[in-house]
PDB file of N, CA and C in Angstrom:
ATOM      1  N   MET A   1      20.630  10.316  -2.331  1.00  0.00           N
ATOM      2  CA  MET A   1      19.563  11.289  -2.151  1.00  0.00           C
ATOM      3  C   MET A   1      18.200  10.604  -2.235  1.00  0.00           C
ATOM      4  N   SER A   2      18.072   9.705  -3.209  1.00  0.00           N
ATOM      5  CA  SER A   2      16.812   8.972  -3.354  1.00  0.00           C
ATOM      6  C   SER A   2      16.572   8.075  -2.142  1.00  0.00           C
ATOM      7  N   ILE A   3      17.655   7.531  -1.575  1.00  0.00           N
ATOM      8  CA  ILE A   3      17.524   6.665  -0.407  1.00  0.00           C
ATOM      9  C   ILE A   3      16.979   7.467   0.775  1.00  0.00           C
ATOM     10  N   LEU A   4      17.499   8.680   0.976  1.00  0.00           N
ATOM     11  CA  LEU A   4      17.008   9.523   2.059  1.00  0.00           C
ATOM     12  C   LEU A   4      15.551   9.876   1.833  1.00  0.00           C
ATOM     13  N   PHE A   5      15.196  10.161   0.574  1.00  0.00           N
ATOM     14  CA  PHE A   5      13.814  10.496   0.255  1.00  0.00           C
ATOM     15  C   PHE A   5      12.894   9.321   0.587  1.00  0.00           C
ATOM     16  N   LEU A   6      13.300   8.117   0.178  1.00  0.00           N
ATOM     17  CA  LEU A   6      12.501   6.929   0.476  1.00  0.00           C
ATOM     18  C   LEU A   6      12.391   6.717   1.979  1.00  0.00           C
ATOM     19  N   HIS A   7      13.484   6.968   2.686  1.00  0.00           N
ATOM     20  CA  HIS A   7      13.468   6.797   4.139  1.00  0.00           C
ATOM     21  C   HIS A   7      12.487   7.774   4.772  1.00  0.00           C
ATOM     22  N   GLU A   8      12.477   9.027   4.290  1.00  0.00           N
ATOM     23  CA  GLU A   8      11.550  10.022   4.828  1.00  0.00           C
ATOM     24  C   GLU A   8      10.113   9.617   4.543  1.00  0.00           C
ATOM     25  N   VAL A   9       9.864   9.145   3.338  1.00  0.00           N
ATOM     26  CA  VAL A   9       8.509   8.725   2.977  1.00  0.00           C
ATOM     27  C   VAL A   9       8.064   7.560   3.865  1.00  0.00           C
ATOM     28  N   LEU A  10       8.958   6.596   4.065  1.00  0.00           N
ATOM     29  CA  LEU A  10       8.610   5.436   4.888  1.00  0.00           C
ATOM     30  C   LEU A  10       8.406   5.838   6.338  1.00  0.00           C
ATOM     31  N   SER A  11       9.175   6.798   6.810  1.00  0.00           N
ATOM     32  CA  SER A  11       9.067   7.194   8.210  1.00  0.00           C
ATOM     33  C   SER A  11       7.865   8.107   8.453  1.00  0.00           C
ATOM     34  N   LEU A  12       7.589   9.002   7.491  1.00  0.00           N
ATOM     35  CA  LEU A  12       6.496   9.961   7.682  1.00  0.00           C
ATOM     36  C   LEU A  12       5.150   9.379   7.280  1.00  0.00           C
ATOM     37  N   GLN A  13       5.138   8.592   6.233  1.00  0.00           N
ATOM     38  CA  GLN A  13       3.873   8.053   5.734  1.00  0.00           C
ATOM     39  C   GLN A  13       3.902   6.523   5.741  1.00  0.00           C
ATOM     40  N   SER A  14       4.382   5.959   6.852  1.00  0.00           N
ATOM     41  CA  SER A  14       4.483   4.502   6.942  1.00  0.00           C
ATOM     42  C   SER A  14       3.104   3.858   6.860  1.00  0.00           C
ATOM     43  N   ALA A  15       2.134   4.450   7.546  1.00  0.00           N
ATOM     44  CA  ALA A  15       0.778   3.887   7.545  1.00  0.00           C
ATOM     45  C   ALA A  15       0.204   3.878   6.135  1.00  0.00           C
ATOM     46  N   LEU A  16       0.308   5.009   5.458  1.00  0.00           N
ATOM     47  CA  LEU A  16      -0.217   5.092   4.098  1.00  0.00           C
ATOM     48  C   LEU A  16       0.532   4.146   3.170  1.00  0.00           C
ATOM     49  N   GLY A  17       1.851   4.071   3.339  1.00  0.00           N
ATOM     50  CA  GLY A  17       2.659   3.189   2.510  1.00  0.00           C
ATOM     51  C   GLY A  17       2.256   1.728   2.686  1.00  0.00           C
ATOM     52  N   TRP A  18       2.046   1.317   3.949  1.00  0.00           N
ATOM     53  CA  TRP A  18       1.637  -0.067   4.207  1.00  0.00           C
ATOM     54  C   TRP A  18       0.262  -0.340   3.637  1.00  0.00           C
ATOM     55  N   LEU A  19      -0.654   0.641   3.745  1.00  0.00           N
ATOM     56  CA  LEU A  19      -2.001   0.445   3.181  1.00  0.00           C
ATOM     57  C   LEU A  19      -1.920   0.263   1.675  1.00  0.00           C
ATOM     58  N   LEU A  20      -1.092   1.079   1.029  1.00  0.00           N
ATOM     59  CA  LEU A  20      -0.950   0.956  -0.426  1.00  0.00           C
ATOM     60  C   LEU A  20      -0.314  -0.381  -0.793  1.00  0.00           C
ATOM     61  N   LEU A  21       0.680  -0.799   0.005  1.00  0.00           N
ATOM     62  CA  LEU A  21       1.341  -2.071  -0.268  1.00  0.00           C
ATOM     63  C   LEU A  21       0.363  -3.232  -0.118  1.00  0.00           C
ATOM     64  N   LEU A  22      -0.412  -3.209   0.968  1.00  0.00           N
ATOM     65  CA  LEU A  22      -1.402  -4.267   1.188  1.00  0.00           C
ATOM     66  C   LEU A  22      -2.455  -4.256   0.088  1.00  0.00           C
ATOM     67  N   ALA A  23      -2.846  -3.060  -0.349  1.00  0.00           N
ATOM     68  CA  ALA A  23      -3.837  -2.947  -1.425  1.00  0.00           C
ATOM     69  C   ALA A  23      -3.276  -3.533  -2.718  1.00  0.00           C
ATOM     70  N   ALA A  24      -2.013  -3.229  -3.006  1.00  0.00           N
ATOM     71  CA  ALA A  24      -1.383  -3.745  -4.225  1.00  0.00           C
ATOM     72  C   ALA A  24      -1.280  -5.269  -4.156  1.00  0.00           C
ATOM     73  N   LEU A  25      -0.881  -5.796  -2.999  1.00  0.00           N
ATOM     74  CA  LEU A  25      -0.791  -7.240  -2.831  1.00  0.00           C
ATOM     75  C   LEU A  25      -2.171  -7.880  -2.947  1.00  0.00           C
ATOM     76  N   GLY A  26      -3.193  -7.193  -2.433  1.00  0.00           N
ATOM     77  CA  GLY A  26      -4.554  -7.706  -2.508  1.00  0.00           C
ATOM     78  C   GLY A  26      -5.031  -7.812  -3.951  1.00  0.00           C
ATOM     79  N   THR A  27      -4.613  -6.865  -4.801  1.00  0.00           N
ATOM     80  CA  THR A  27      -5.041  -6.896  -6.195  1.00  0.00           C
ATOM     81  C   THR A  27      -4.296  -7.992  -6.961  1.00  0.00           C
ATOM     82  N   VAL A  28      -3.056  -8.298  -6.524  1.00  0.00           N
ATOM     83  CA  VAL A  28      -2.271  -9.318  -7.230  1.00  0.00           C
ATOM     84  C   VAL A  28      -2.667 -10.722  -6.777  1.00  0.00           C
ATOM     85  N   THR A  29      -2.697 -10.930  -5.474  1.00  0.00           N
ATOM     86  CA  THR A  29      -3.000 -12.254  -4.947  1.00  0.00           C
ATOM     87  C   THR A  29      -4.512 -12.464  -4.847  1.00  0.00           C
ATOM     88  N   PRO A  30      -5.003 -13.679  -5.037  1.00  0.00           N
ATOM     89  CA  PRO A  30      -6.437 -13.965  -4.921  1.00  0.00           C
ATOM     90  C   PRO A  30      -6.930 -13.724  -3.501  1.00  0.00           C
ATOM     91  N   ARG A  31      -7.923 -12.886  -3.367  1.00  0.00           N
ATOM     92  CA  ARG A  31      -8.475 -12.538  -2.070  1.00  0.00           C
ATOM     93  C   ARG A  31      -9.997 -12.529  -2.155  1.00  0.00           C
ATOM     94  N   PRO A  32     -10.690 -12.503  -1.021  1.00  0.00           N
ATOM     95  CA  PRO A  32     -12.146 -12.367  -1.039  1.00  0.00           C
ATOM     96  C   PRO A  32     -12.572 -11.069  -1.715  1.00  0.00           C
ATOM     97  N   SER A  33     -13.798 -11.016  -2.175  1.00  0.00           N
ATOM     98  CA  SER A  33     -14.278  -9.845  -2.907  1.00  0.00           C
ATOM     99  C   SER A  33     -14.224  -8.599  -2.030  1.00  0.00           C
ATOM    100  N   ARG A  34     -14.430  -8.767  -0.721  1.00  0.00           N
ATOM    101  CA  ARG A  34     -14.424  -7.611   0.178  1.00  0.00           C
ATOM    102  C   ARG A  34     -13.062  -6.935   0.163  1.00  0.00           C
ATOM    103  N   ASP A  35     -11.982  -7.716   0.281  1.00  0.00           N
ATOM    104  CA  ASP A  35     -10.636  -7.160   0.264  1.00  0.00           C
ATOM    105  C   ASP A  35     -10.339  -6.514  -1.088  1.00  0.00           C
ATOM    106  N   ALA A  36     -10.808  -7.146  -2.166  1.00  0.00           N
ATOM    107  CA  ALA A  36     -10.569  -6.606  -3.505  1.00  0.00           C
ATOM    108  C   ALA A  36     -11.242  -5.243  -3.632  1.00  0.00           C
ATOM    109  N   ARG A  37     -12.463  -5.127  -3.112  1.00  0.00           N
ATOM    110  CA  ARG A  37     -13.162  -3.837  -3.165  1.00  0.00           C
ATOM    111  C   ARG A  37     -12.411  -2.784  -2.357  1.00  0.00           C
ATOM    112  N   TRP A  38     -11.919  -3.181  -1.167  1.00  0.00           N
ATOM    113  CA  TRP A  38     -11.160  -2.254  -0.325  1.00  0.00           C
ATOM    114  C   TRP A  38      -9.910  -1.771  -1.055  1.00  0.00           C
ATOM    115  N   GLY A  39      -9.214  -2.708  -1.735  1.00  0.00           N
ATOM    116  CA  GLY A  39      -8.014  -2.337  -2.486  1.00  0.00           C
ATOM    117  C   GLY A  39      -8.365  -1.351  -3.582  1.00  0.00           C
ATOM    118  N   ALA A  40      -9.503  -1.574  -4.256  1.00  0.00           N
ATOM    119  CA  ALA A  40      -9.926  -0.670  -5.332  1.00  0.00           C
ATOM    120  C   ALA A  40     -10.225   0.713  -4.771  1.00  0.00           C
ATOM    121  N   ILE A  41     -10.862   0.758  -3.595  1.00  0.00           N
ATOM    122  CA  ILE A  41     -11.190   2.048  -2.977  1.00  0.00           C
ATOM    123  C   ILE A  41      -9.904   2.793  -2.602  1.00  0.00           C
ATOM    124  N   VAL A  42      -8.953   2.062  -2.020  1.00  0.00           N
ATOM    125  CA  VAL A  42      -7.698   2.695  -1.604  1.00  0.00           C
ATOM    126  C   VAL A  42      -6.937   3.226  -2.817  1.00  0.00           C
ATOM    127  N   LEU A  43      -6.857   2.404  -3.871  1.00  0.00           N
ATOM    128  CA  LEU A  43      -6.135   2.826  -5.064  1.00  0.00           C
ATOM    129  C   LEU A  43      -6.950   3.860  -5.811  1.00  0.00           C
TER     130      LEU A  43
END
């Protein structure tokens, strides 16, 4: 059931999911200040 839910989330909100993933990766990995600010805004 959780797998189907995750699949629906990935299929319906793929763009938002990728933005959140990129934002999370941006906060973890060293990036320019501009990307860090963007990640903070998204989160």
